Amino acid sequence: MSLFDRAAIDEEVWEELEELLISADVGVATASKLIDTVKKHASEAKLDGSHVRALLQEEMTGILSVPAGEPSAAVTSPRVILVVGVNGSGKTTSIAKLAYKYKKEGRSVLLAAADTFRAAAIEQLKKQGERVGVDVIAHQPGADPGAVVYDAFQAAKSRGADILIIDTAGRLHTKFNLMEELKKVRRVAAKLDATAPHEVILVLDATTGQNGLTQARYFTEAVGVTGVFIAKLDGTAKGGIALAICDELKLPIQLIGVGEGLEDMVDFNAKEFTEALTS
């Protein structure tokens, strides 16, 4: 941000900086909070532009450093991962990347096609399963998602699979119906294993802007999201929504998708992300 190169950091610069943060999808509440904090420290210490940039980065990194929940020591195989998100967010591709990562680590993975409301969703997951080289447990379109989860869990158990990744519906005709369906899927998993699901990963499209915060709030209320996978953070996406999610919902950002390839996924690094956002 070239604003920091100016000789004096005056009120106009602060206003421009706040506008830049908001345009980068950081959100009004989080942007205002950041500016107020940095402005106060900068004024007290009489900082110049380069020090203000460093202070802003430090504050952002602090917001983004939400600790991930501790994995339960008592988890028995399979580890059940519920993946949620709206249609078009990059959910299926993100599931493939997760499966590929675990497979590379030497773990056996099974996928469950519990988005039974769209025939295309089942086919997409099957294609991704073939791409990665992992099996997909699926029923016919329109089948009960809970039954798919039940069968997939039993299959994972009998095959000794380490990881079971469950794809879920991203759209029903009302938000209420979607969230109720997701709660039901979660309940089925919990009946099969009292500690399941062990993770609930929300996939968010980096380009959705502030709508992503609303999505994160709904999904967290319904199924208790444990971490966020920001997909499509390549090209024009600003990604500032990560700050709003960490600040307002205290959800950890775990992974970032940076392309279509199976290896185009990186662990989230708050410091690197902040530096990229303020460059």
C-alpha atoms as a PDB file:
ATOM      1  CA  MET A   1       0.000   0.000   0.000  1.00  0.00           C
ATOM      2  CA  SER A   2       1.768   3.174  -1.241  1.00  0.00           C
ATOM      3  CA  LEU A   3      -0.044   5.255   1.397  1.00  0.00           C
ATOM      4  CA  PHE A   4       2.773   4.374   3.789  1.00  0.00           C
ATOM      5  CA  ASP A   5       5.332   6.070   1.533  1.00  0.00           C
ATOM      6  CA  ARG A   6       3.869   9.527   2.161  1.00  0.00           C
ATOM      7  CA  ALA A   7       5.844  12.020   4.209  1.00  0.00           C
ATOM      8  CA  ALA A   8       3.064  12.534   6.746  1.00  0.00           C
ATOM      9  CA  ILE A   9       0.343  10.192   7.979  1.00  0.00           C
ATOM     10  CA  ASP A  10      -2.548  12.623   8.303  1.00  0.00           C
ATOM     11  CA  GLU A  11      -6.326  12.175   8.664  1.00  0.00           C
ATOM     12  CA  GLU A  12      -6.739  11.836   4.898  1.00  0.00           C
ATOM     13  CA  VAL A  13      -4.311   8.902   4.850  1.00  0.00           C
ATOM     14  CA  TRP A  14      -6.196   7.148   7.660  1.00  0.00           C
ATOM     15  CA  GLU A  15      -9.466   7.559   5.772  1.00  0.00           C
ATOM     16  CA  GLU A  16      -7.935   6.237   2.546  1.00  0.00           C
ATOM     17  CA  LEU A  17      -6.404   3.322   4.427  1.00  0.00           C
ATOM     18  CA  GLU A  18      -9.767   2.416   5.937  1.00  0.00           C
ATOM     19  CA  GLU A  19     -11.389   2.557   2.482  1.00  0.00           C
ATOM     20  CA  LEU A  20      -8.659   0.303   1.077  1.00  0.00           C
ATOM     21  CA  LEU A  21      -9.216  -2.252   3.821  1.00  0.00           C
ATOM     22  CA  ILE A  22     -12.971  -2.231   3.243  1.00  0.00           C
ATOM     23  CA  SER A  23     -12.489  -2.613  -0.539  1.00  0.00           C
ATOM     24  CA  ALA A  24     -10.223  -5.607   0.203  1.00  0.00           C
ATOM     25  CA  ASP A  25     -13.265  -7.258   1.897  1.00  0.00           C
ATOM     26  CA  VAL A  26     -11.977  -6.778   5.439  1.00  0.00           C
ATOM     27  CA  GLY A  27     -15.401  -5.390   6.403  1.00  0.00           C
ATOM     28  CA  VAL A  28     -16.429  -2.118   8.005  1.00  0.00           C
ATOM     29  CA  ALA A  29     -16.373  -3.250  11.657  1.00  0.00           C
ATOM     30  CA  THR A  30     -12.957  -4.942  11.471  1.00  0.00           C
ATOM     31  CA  ALA A  31     -11.425  -2.189   9.312  1.00  0.00           C
ATOM     32  CA  SER A  32     -12.603   0.524  11.758  1.00  0.00           C
ATOM     33  CA  LYS A  33     -11.255  -1.438  14.697  1.00  0.00           C
ATOM     34  CA  LEU A  34      -7.875  -1.879  13.001  1.00  0.00           C
ATOM     35  CA  ILE A  35      -7.576   1.788  12.038  1.00  0.00           C
ATOM     36  CA  ASP A  36      -8.561   2.982  15.521  1.00  0.00           C
ATOM     37  CA  THR A  37      -5.961   0.742  17.195  1.00  0.00           C
ATOM     38  CA  VAL A  38      -3.122   1.546  14.779  1.00  0.00           C
ATOM     39  CA  LYS A  39      -3.931   5.273  14.726  1.00  0.00           C
ATOM     40  CA  LYS A  40      -3.845   5.446  18.540  1.00  0.00           C
ATOM     41  CA  HIS A  41      -0.453   3.696  18.773  1.00  0.00           C
ATOM     42  CA  ALA A  42       0.981   5.669  15.844  1.00  0.00           C
ATOM     43  CA  SER A  43      -0.102   8.962  17.409  1.00  0.00           C
ATOM     44  CA  GLU A  44       1.317   8.090  20.831  1.00  0.00           C
ATOM     45  CA  ALA A  45       4.654   6.922  19.408  1.00  0.00           C
ATOM     46  CA  LYS A  46       4.774   9.502  16.561  1.00  0.00           C
ATOM     47  CA  LEU A  47       5.430   6.771  13.974  1.00  0.00           C
ATOM     48  CA  ASP A  48       6.279   7.342  10.311  1.00  0.00           C
ATOM     49  CA  GLY A  49       4.760   5.457   7.344  1.00  0.00           C
ATOM     50  CA  SER A  50       7.024   2.406   7.409  1.00  0.00           C
ATOM     51  CA  HIS A  51       6.423   1.879  11.125  1.00  0.00           C
ATOM     52  CA  VAL A  52       2.681   2.351  10.665  1.00  0.00           C
ATOM     53  CA  ARG A  53       2.715  -0.392   7.989  1.00  0.00           C
ATOM     54  CA  ALA A  54       4.587  -2.715  10.360  1.00  0.00           C
ATOM     55  CA  LEU A  55       2.129  -1.940  13.164  1.00  0.00           C
ATOM     56  CA  LEU A  56      -0.876  -2.553  10.890  1.00  0.00           C
ATOM     57  CA  GLN A  57       0.618  -5.893   9.793  1.00  0.00           C
ATOM     58  CA  GLU A  58       1.236  -6.840  13.420  1.00  0.00           C
ATOM     59  CA  GLU A  59      -2.381  -6.058  14.381  1.00  0.00           C
ATOM     60  CA  MET A  60      -3.720  -7.983  11.366  1.00  0.00           C
ATOM     61  CA  THR A  61      -1.523 -10.982  12.124  1.00  0.00           C
ATOM     62  CA  GLY A  62      -2.823 -10.941  15.696  1.00  0.00           C
ATOM     63  CA  ILE A  63      -6.446 -11.021  14.499  1.00  0.00           C
ATOM     64  CA  LEU A  64      -5.699 -13.830  12.038  1.00  0.00           C
ATOM     65  CA  SER A  65      -3.895 -15.990  14.601  1.00  0.00           C
ATOM     66  CA  VAL A  66      -6.985 -17.757  15.919  1.00  0.00           C
ATOM     67  CA  PRO A  67      -5.814 -21.009  17.521  1.00  0.00           C
ATOM     68  CA  ALA A  68      -7.218 -24.203  16.055  1.00  0.00           C
ATOM     69  CA  GLY A  69      -9.097 -26.478  18.432  1.00  0.00           C
ATOM     70  CA  GLU A  70      -7.095 -29.272  19.970  1.00  0.00           C
ATOM     71  CA  PRO A  71      -7.793 -32.624  18.292  1.00  0.00           C
ATOM     72  CA  SER A  72      -9.309 -35.149  20.637  1.00  0.00           C
ATOM     73  CA  ALA A  73      -6.793 -37.736  21.766  1.00  0.00           C
ATOM     74  CA  ALA A  74      -9.551 -40.338  21.909  1.00  0.00           C
ATOM     75  CA  VAL A  75     -10.368 -40.216  18.170  1.00  0.00           C
ATOM     76  CA  THR A  76     -10.624 -43.695  16.694  1.00  0.00           C
ATOM     77  CA  SER A  77     -10.559 -44.423  12.968  1.00  0.00           C
ATOM     78  CA  PRO A  78     -12.068 -43.214  10.833  1.00  0.00           C
ATOM     79  CA  ARG A  79     -11.495 -39.524  11.506  1.00  0.00           C
ATOM     80  CA  VAL A  80     -14.731 -37.966  10.240  1.00  0.00           C
ATOM     81  CA  ILE A  81     -14.449 -34.629   8.433  1.00  0.00           C
ATOM     82  CA  LEU A  82     -17.640 -32.837   7.459  1.00  0.00           C
ATOM     83  CA  VAL A  83     -17.139 -30.367   4.608  1.00  0.00           C
ATOM     84  CA  VAL A  84     -19.755 -27.629   4.225  1.00  0.00           C
ATOM     85  CA  GLY A  85     -20.219 -24.592   2.000  1.00  0.00           C
ATOM     86  CA  VAL A  86     -22.535 -23.138  -0.612  1.00  0.00           C
ATOM     87  CA  ASN A  87     -22.631 -24.515  -4.144  1.00  0.00           C
ATOM     88  CA  GLY A  88     -20.007 -22.965  -6.362  1.00  0.00           C
ATOM     89  CA  SER A  89     -17.614 -22.209  -3.494  1.00  0.00           C
ATOM     90  CA  GLY A  90     -15.071 -24.761  -4.713  1.00  0.00           C
ATOM     91  CA  LYS A  91     -16.146 -27.376  -2.158  1.00  0.00           C
ATOM     92  CA  THR A  92     -15.672 -30.493  -4.320  1.00  0.00           C
ATOM     93  CA  THR A  93     -12.248 -29.418  -5.594  1.00  0.00           C
ATOM     94  CA  SER A  94     -11.218 -28.575  -2.021  1.00  0.00           C
ATOM     95  CA  ILE A  95     -12.312 -32.041  -0.861  1.00  0.00           C
ATOM     96  CA  ALA A  96     -10.127 -33.572  -3.591  1.00  0.00           C
ATOM     97  CA  LYS A  97      -7.152 -31.504  -2.402  1.00  0.00           C
ATOM     98  CA  LEU A  98      -7.709 -32.627   1.198  1.00  0.00           C
ATOM     99  CA  ALA A  99      -7.991 -36.268   0.125  1.00  0.00           C
ATOM    100  CA  TYR A 100      -4.821 -35.934  -1.965  1.00  0.00           C
ATOM    101  CA  LYS A 101      -2.930 -34.398   0.974  1.00  0.00           C
ATOM    102  CA  TYR A 102      -3.942 -37.192   3.347  1.00  0.00           C
ATOM    103  CA  LYS A 103      -3.172 -39.863   0.758  1.00  0.00           C
ATOM    104  CA  LYS A 104       0.302 -38.382   0.240  1.00  0.00           C
ATOM    105  CA  GLU A 105       0.812 -38.628   4.002  1.00  0.00           C
ATOM    106  CA  GLY A 106       0.173 -42.346   3.692  1.00  0.00           C
ATOM    107  CA  ARG A 107      -3.336 -42.361   5.107  1.00  0.00           C
ATOM    108  CA  SER A 108      -6.278 -44.209   3.574  1.00  0.00           C
ATOM    109  CA  VAL A 109      -9.204 -41.996   2.622  1.00  0.00           C
ATOM    110  CA  LEU A 110     -12.851 -42.578   1.758  1.00  0.00           C
ATOM    111  CA  LEU A 111     -15.285 -39.959   0.427  1.00  0.00           C
ATOM    112  CA  ALA A 112     -19.044 -39.795   1.074  1.00  0.00           C
ATOM    113  CA  ALA A 113     -21.358 -38.125  -1.465  1.00  0.00           C
ATOM    114  CA  ALA A 114     -23.964 -36.794   0.985  1.00  0.00           C
ATOM    115  CA  ASP A 115     -25.060 -33.945  -1.309  1.00  0.00           C
ATOM    116  CA  THR A 116     -27.801 -36.124  -2.764  1.00  0.00           C
ATOM    117  CA  PHE A 117     -29.984 -33.199  -3.844  1.00  0.00           C
ATOM    118  CA  ARG A 118     -27.969 -32.593  -7.004  1.00  0.00           C
ATOM    119  CA  ALA A 119     -27.081 -35.458  -9.313  1.00  0.00           C
ATOM    120  CA  ALA A 120     -24.240 -33.272 -10.603  1.00  0.00           C
ATOM    121  CA  ALA A 121     -22.735 -33.080  -7.105  1.00  0.00           C
ATOM    122  CA  ILE A 122     -22.527 -36.872  -6.864  1.00  0.00           C
ATOM    123  CA  GLU A 123     -20.928 -37.118 -10.314  1.00  0.00           C
ATOM    124  CA  GLN A 124     -18.470 -34.332  -9.527  1.00  0.00           C
ATOM    125  CA  LEU A 125     -17.331 -36.061  -6.340  1.00  0.00           C
ATOM    126  CA  LYS A 126     -16.956 -39.382  -8.169  1.00  0.00           C
ATOM    127  CA  LYS A 127     -14.768 -37.687 -10.783  1.00  0.00           C
ATOM    128  CA  GLN A 128     -12.629 -36.109  -8.075  1.00  0.00           C
ATOM    129  CA  GLY A 129     -12.385 -39.480  -6.346  1.00  0.00           C
ATOM    130  CA  GLU A 130     -11.053 -41.017  -9.567  1.00  0.00           C
ATOM    131  CA  ARG A 131      -8.646 -38.114  -9.976  1.00  0.00           C
ATOM    132  CA  VAL A 132      -7.185 -38.667  -6.510  1.00  0.00           C
ATOM    133  CA  GLY A 133      -7.509 -42.438  -6.515  1.00  0.00           C
ATOM    134  CA  VAL A 134      -9.911 -42.812  -3.583  1.00  0.00           C
ATOM    135  CA  ASP A 135     -13.287 -44.543  -3.404  1.00  0.00           C
ATOM    136  CA  VAL A 136     -16.563 -42.651  -3.130  1.00  0.00           C
ATOM    137  CA  ILE A 137     -19.595 -44.040  -1.302  1.00  0.00           C
ATOM    138  CA  ALA A 138     -22.715 -42.765  -3.068  1.00  0.00           C
ATOM    139  CA  HIS A 139     -26.432 -43.475  -3.392  1.00  0.00           C
ATOM    140  CA  GLN A 140     -28.888 -42.401  -6.064  1.00  0.00           C
ATOM    141  CA  PRO A 141     -29.766 -38.706  -6.430  1.00  0.00           C
ATOM    142  CA  GLY A 142     -32.529 -37.782  -3.992  1.00  0.00           C
ATOM    143  CA  ALA A 143     -31.521 -40.430  -1.457  1.00  0.00           C
ATOM    144  CA  ASP A 144     -31.388 -39.688   2.262  1.00  0.00           C
ATOM    145  CA  PRO A 145     -28.017 -38.009   3.018  1.00  0.00           C
ATOM    146  CA  GLY A 146     -28.052 -39.588   6.472  1.00  0.00           C
ATOM    147  CA  ALA A 147     -28.180 -43.055   4.893  1.00  0.00           C
ATOM    148  CA  VAL A 148     -25.147 -42.184   2.745  1.00  0.00           C
ATOM    149  CA  VAL A 149     -23.224 -41.094   5.847  1.00  0.00           C
ATOM    150  CA  TYR A 150     -24.223 -44.307   7.651  1.00  0.00           C
ATOM    151  CA  ASP A 151     -23.073 -46.534   4.764  1.00  0.00           C
ATOM    152  CA  ALA A 152     -19.876 -44.542   4.251  1.00  0.00           C
ATOM    153  CA  PHE A 153     -18.991 -44.782   7.935  1.00  0.00           C
ATOM    154  CA  GLN A 154     -19.587 -48.545   7.978  1.00  0.00           C
ATOM    155  CA  ALA A 155     -17.495 -48.921   4.814  1.00  0.00           C
ATOM    156  CA  ALA A 156     -14.679 -46.834   6.307  1.00  0.00           C
ATOM    157  CA  LYS A 157     -14.804 -48.915   9.486  1.00  0.00           C
ATOM    158  CA  SER A 158     -14.772 -52.277   7.697  1.00  0.00           C
ATOM    159  CA  ARG A 159     -11.953 -51.201   5.354  1.00  0.00           C
ATOM    160  CA  GLY A 160      -9.902 -49.694   8.160  1.00  0.00           C
ATOM    161  CA  ALA A 161      -9.874 -46.264   6.492  1.00  0.00           C
ATOM    162  CA  ASP A 162      -8.101 -43.513   8.412  1.00  0.00           C
ATOM    163  CA  ILE A 163     -10.138 -40.582   7.088  1.00  0.00           C
ATOM    164  CA  LEU A 164     -13.763 -40.220   6.010  1.00  0.00           C
ATOM    165  CA  ILE A 165     -14.531 -36.932   4.231  1.00  0.00           C
ATOM    166  CA  ILE A 166     -18.230 -36.140   3.845  1.00  0.00           C
ATOM    167  CA  ASP A 167     -19.469 -33.791   1.117  1.00  0.00           C
ATOM    168  CA  THR A 168     -22.741 -32.061   2.034  1.00  0.00           C
ATOM    169  CA  ALA A 169     -25.493 -30.090   0.318  1.00  0.00           C
ATOM    170  CA  GLY A 170     -24.756 -26.464  -0.491  1.00  0.00           C
ATOM    171  CA  ARG A 171     -28.217 -25.353  -1.492  1.00  0.00           C
ATOM    172  CA  LEU A 172     -31.806 -26.301  -0.757  1.00  0.00           C
ATOM    173  CA  HIS A 173     -34.845 -24.222  -1.577  1.00  0.00           C
ATOM    174  CA  THR A 174     -34.591 -22.320   1.710  1.00  0.00           C
ATOM    175  CA  LYS A 175     -31.684 -21.586   4.023  1.00  0.00           C
ATOM    176  CA  PHE A 176     -33.674 -23.107   6.887  1.00  0.00           C
ATOM    177  CA  ASN A 177     -34.028 -26.445   5.040  1.00  0.00           C
ATOM    178  CA  LEU A 178     -30.332 -26.520   4.190  1.00  0.00           C
ATOM    179  CA  MET A 179     -29.235 -25.916   7.772  1.00  0.00           C
ATOM    180  CA  GLU A 180     -31.714 -28.480   9.129  1.00  0.00           C
ATOM    181  CA  GLU A 181     -30.381 -31.053   6.653  1.00  0.00           C
ATOM    182  CA  LEU A 182     -26.802 -30.338   7.714  1.00  0.00           C
ATOM    183  CA  LYS A 183     -27.745 -30.688  11.391  1.00  0.00           C
ATOM    184  CA  LYS A 184     -29.296 -34.064  10.577  1.00  0.00           C
ATOM    185  CA  VAL A 185     -26.113 -35.244   8.807  1.00  0.00           C
ATOM    186  CA  ARG A 186     -24.097 -34.147  11.819  1.00  0.00           C
ATOM    187  CA  ARG A 187     -26.442 -36.042  14.175  1.00  0.00           C
ATOM    188  CA  VAL A 188     -26.083 -39.238  12.122  1.00  0.00           C
ATOM    189  CA  ALA A 189     -22.282 -38.976  12.331  1.00  0.00           C
ATOM    190  CA  ALA A 190     -22.489 -38.424  16.101  1.00  0.00           C
ATOM    191  CA  LYS A 191     -24.693 -41.524  16.527  1.00  0.00           C
ATOM    192  CA  LEU A 192     -22.080 -43.640  14.746  1.00  0.00           C
ATOM    193  CA  ASP A 193     -19.210 -42.185  16.762  1.00  0.00           C
ATOM    194  CA  ALA A 194     -19.939 -39.966  19.769  1.00  0.00           C
ATOM    195  CA  THR A 195     -16.837 -37.863  19.025  1.00  0.00           C
ATOM    196  CA  ALA A 196     -17.755 -37.310  15.348  1.00  0.00           C
ATOM    197  CA  PRO A 197     -17.553 -35.227  13.295  1.00  0.00           C
ATOM    198  CA  HIS A 198     -14.006 -34.548  14.387  1.00  0.00           C
ATOM    199  CA  GLU A 199     -13.711 -31.560  12.080  1.00  0.00           C
ATOM    200  CA  VAL A 200     -16.240 -29.354  10.301  1.00  0.00           C
ATOM    201  CA  ILE A 201     -14.495 -27.473   7.508  1.00  0.00           C
ATOM    202  CA  LEU A 202     -16.266 -24.578   5.823  1.00  0.00           C
ATOM    203  CA  VAL A 203     -15.162 -23.904   2.239  1.00  0.00           C
ATOM    204  CA  LEU A 204     -15.517 -20.241   1.287  1.00  0.00           C
ATOM    205  CA  ASP A 205     -14.955 -18.703  -2.124  1.00  0.00           C
ATOM    206  CA  ALA A 206     -12.393 -15.898  -1.618  1.00  0.00           C
ATOM    207  CA  THR A 207     -14.246 -13.739  -4.135  1.00  0.00           C
ATOM    208  CA  THR A 208     -17.579 -13.681  -2.260  1.00  0.00           C
ATOM    209  CA  GLY A 209     -16.576 -10.695  -0.130  1.00  0.00           C
ATOM    210  CA  GLN A 210     -18.697  -9.831   2.882  1.00  0.00           C
ATOM    211  CA  ASN A 211     -21.260 -12.460   1.906  1.00  0.00           C
ATOM    212  CA  GLY A 212     -18.653 -14.941   3.112  1.00  0.00           C
ATOM    213  CA  LEU A 213     -19.000 -13.643   6.657  1.00  0.00           C
ATOM    214  CA  THR A 214     -22.766 -14.216   6.556  1.00  0.00           C
ATOM    215  CA  GLN A 215     -22.231 -17.747   5.214  1.00  0.00           C
ATOM    216  CA  ALA A 216     -19.672 -18.489   7.932  1.00  0.00           C
ATOM    217  CA  ARG A 217     -22.093 -17.292  10.599  1.00  0.00           C
ATOM    218  CA  TYR A 218     -24.980 -19.465   9.339  1.00  0.00           C
ATOM    219  CA  PHE A 219     -22.891 -22.613   8.963  1.00  0.00           C
ATOM    220  CA  THR A 220     -21.219 -22.132  12.356  1.00  0.00           C
ATOM    221  CA  GLU A 221     -24.577 -21.759  14.098  1.00  0.00           C
ATOM    222  CA  ALA A 222     -25.930 -24.873  12.364  1.00  0.00           C
ATOM    223  CA  VAL A 223     -23.057 -27.341  12.542  1.00  0.00           C
ATOM    224  CA  GLY A 224     -20.263 -25.827  14.628  1.00  0.00           C
ATOM    225  CA  VAL A 225     -17.578 -25.052  12.044  1.00  0.00           C
ATOM    226  CA  THR A 226     -14.095 -25.793  13.399  1.00  0.00           C
ATOM    227  CA  GLY A 227     -12.027 -24.282  10.596  1.00  0.00           C
ATOM    228  CA  VAL A 228     -12.189 -22.455   7.273  1.00  0.00           C
ATOM    229  CA  PHE A 229     -10.748 -23.389   3.872  1.00  0.00           C
ATOM    230  CA  ILE A 230     -10.542 -20.291   1.659  1.00  0.00           C
ATOM    231  CA  ALA A 231     -10.789 -21.453  -1.949  1.00  0.00           C
ATOM    232  CA  LYS A 232     -10.012 -19.582  -5.187  1.00  0.00           C
ATOM    233  CA  LEU A 233      -7.480 -17.212  -3.632  1.00  0.00           C
ATOM    234  CA  ASP A 234      -5.775 -16.805  -6.987  1.00  0.00           C
ATOM    235  CA  GLY A 235      -5.992 -13.864  -9.354  1.00  0.00           C
ATOM    236  CA  THR A 236      -8.215 -10.966  -8.321  1.00  0.00           C
ATOM    237  CA  ALA A 237      -9.526 -12.194  -4.951  1.00  0.00           C
ATOM    238  CA  LYS A 238      -8.498  -9.888  -2.123  1.00  0.00           C
ATOM    239  CA  GLY A 239      -9.102 -12.364   0.695  1.00  0.00           C
ATOM    240  CA  GLY A 240      -9.680  -9.719   3.362  1.00  0.00           C
ATOM    241  CA  ILE A 241     -12.799 -11.616   4.407  1.00  0.00           C
ATOM    242  CA  ALA A 242     -10.423 -13.851   6.397  1.00  0.00           C
ATOM    243  CA  LEU A 243      -9.848 -10.972   8.820  1.00  0.00           C
ATOM    244  CA  ALA A 244     -13.563 -10.397   9.374  1.00  0.00           C
ATOM    245  CA  ILE A 245     -14.161 -14.121   9.979  1.00  0.00           C
ATOM    246  CA  CYS A 246     -11.311 -14.375  12.495  1.00  0.00           C
ATOM    247  CA  ASP A 247     -12.248 -11.109  14.183  1.00  0.00           C
ATOM    248  CA  GLU A 248     -16.014 -11.542  14.452  1.00  0.00           C
ATOM    249  CA  LEU A 249     -16.460 -15.336  14.610  1.00  0.00           C
ATOM    250  CA  LYS A 250     -13.092 -16.391  16.065  1.00  0.00           C
ATOM    251  CA  LEU A 251     -12.826 -19.208  13.509  1.00  0.00           C
ATOM    252  CA  PRO A 252      -9.342 -20.324  12.474  1.00  0.00           C
ATOM    253  CA  ILE A 253      -8.411 -20.153   8.779  1.00  0.00           C
ATOM    254  CA  GLN A 254      -6.697 -23.476   8.141  1.00  0.00           C
ATOM    255  CA  LEU A 255      -6.084 -23.829   4.422  1.00  0.00           C
ATOM    256  CA  ILE A 256      -5.965 -21.788   1.236  1.00  0.00           C
ATOM    257  CA  GLY A 257      -6.710 -22.989  -2.281  1.00  0.00           C
ATOM    258  CA  VAL A 258      -4.546 -21.191  -4.849  1.00  0.00           C
ATOM    259  CA  GLY A 259      -5.390 -23.005  -8.090  1.00  0.00           C
ATOM    260  CA  GLU A 260      -7.138 -25.978  -9.677  1.00  0.00           C
ATOM    261  CA  GLY A 261      -4.350 -28.538  -9.241  1.00  0.00           C
ATOM    262  CA  LEU A 262      -4.447 -31.121  -6.461  1.00  0.00           C
ATOM    263  CA  GLU A 263      -1.302 -29.629  -4.919  1.00  0.00           C
ATOM    264  CA  ASP A 264      -2.596 -26.045  -5.172  1.00  0.00           C
ATOM    265  CA  MET A 265      -3.364 -25.857  -1.466  1.00  0.00           C
ATOM    266  CA  VAL A 266      -1.265 -24.365   1.327  1.00  0.00           C
ATOM    267  CA  ASP A 267      -1.529 -24.198   5.094  1.00  0.00           C
ATOM    268  CA  PHE A 268      -2.657 -20.771   6.209  1.00  0.00           C
ATOM    269  CA  ASN A 269       0.146 -18.540   7.477  1.00  0.00           C
ATOM    270  CA  ALA A 270      -1.151 -15.367   9.160  1.00  0.00           C
ATOM    271  CA  LYS A 271       2.092 -13.385   8.720  1.00  0.00           C
ATOM    272  CA  GLU A 272       2.516 -14.209   5.017  1.00  0.00           C
ATOM    273  CA  PHE A 273      -1.167 -13.566   4.350  1.00  0.00           C
ATOM    274  CA  THR A 274      -0.966 -10.151   6.041  1.00  0.00           C
ATOM    275  CA  GLU A 275       2.127  -9.170   4.086  1.00  0.00           C
ATOM    276  CA  ALA A 276       0.417 -10.094   0.811  1.00  0.00           C
ATOM    277  CA  LEU A 277      -2.708  -8.132   1.764  1.00  0.00           C
ATOM    278  CA  THR A 278      -0.764  -4.967   2.630  1.00  0.00           C
ATOM    279  CA  SER A 279       1.783  -5.075  -0.204  1.00  0.00           C
END
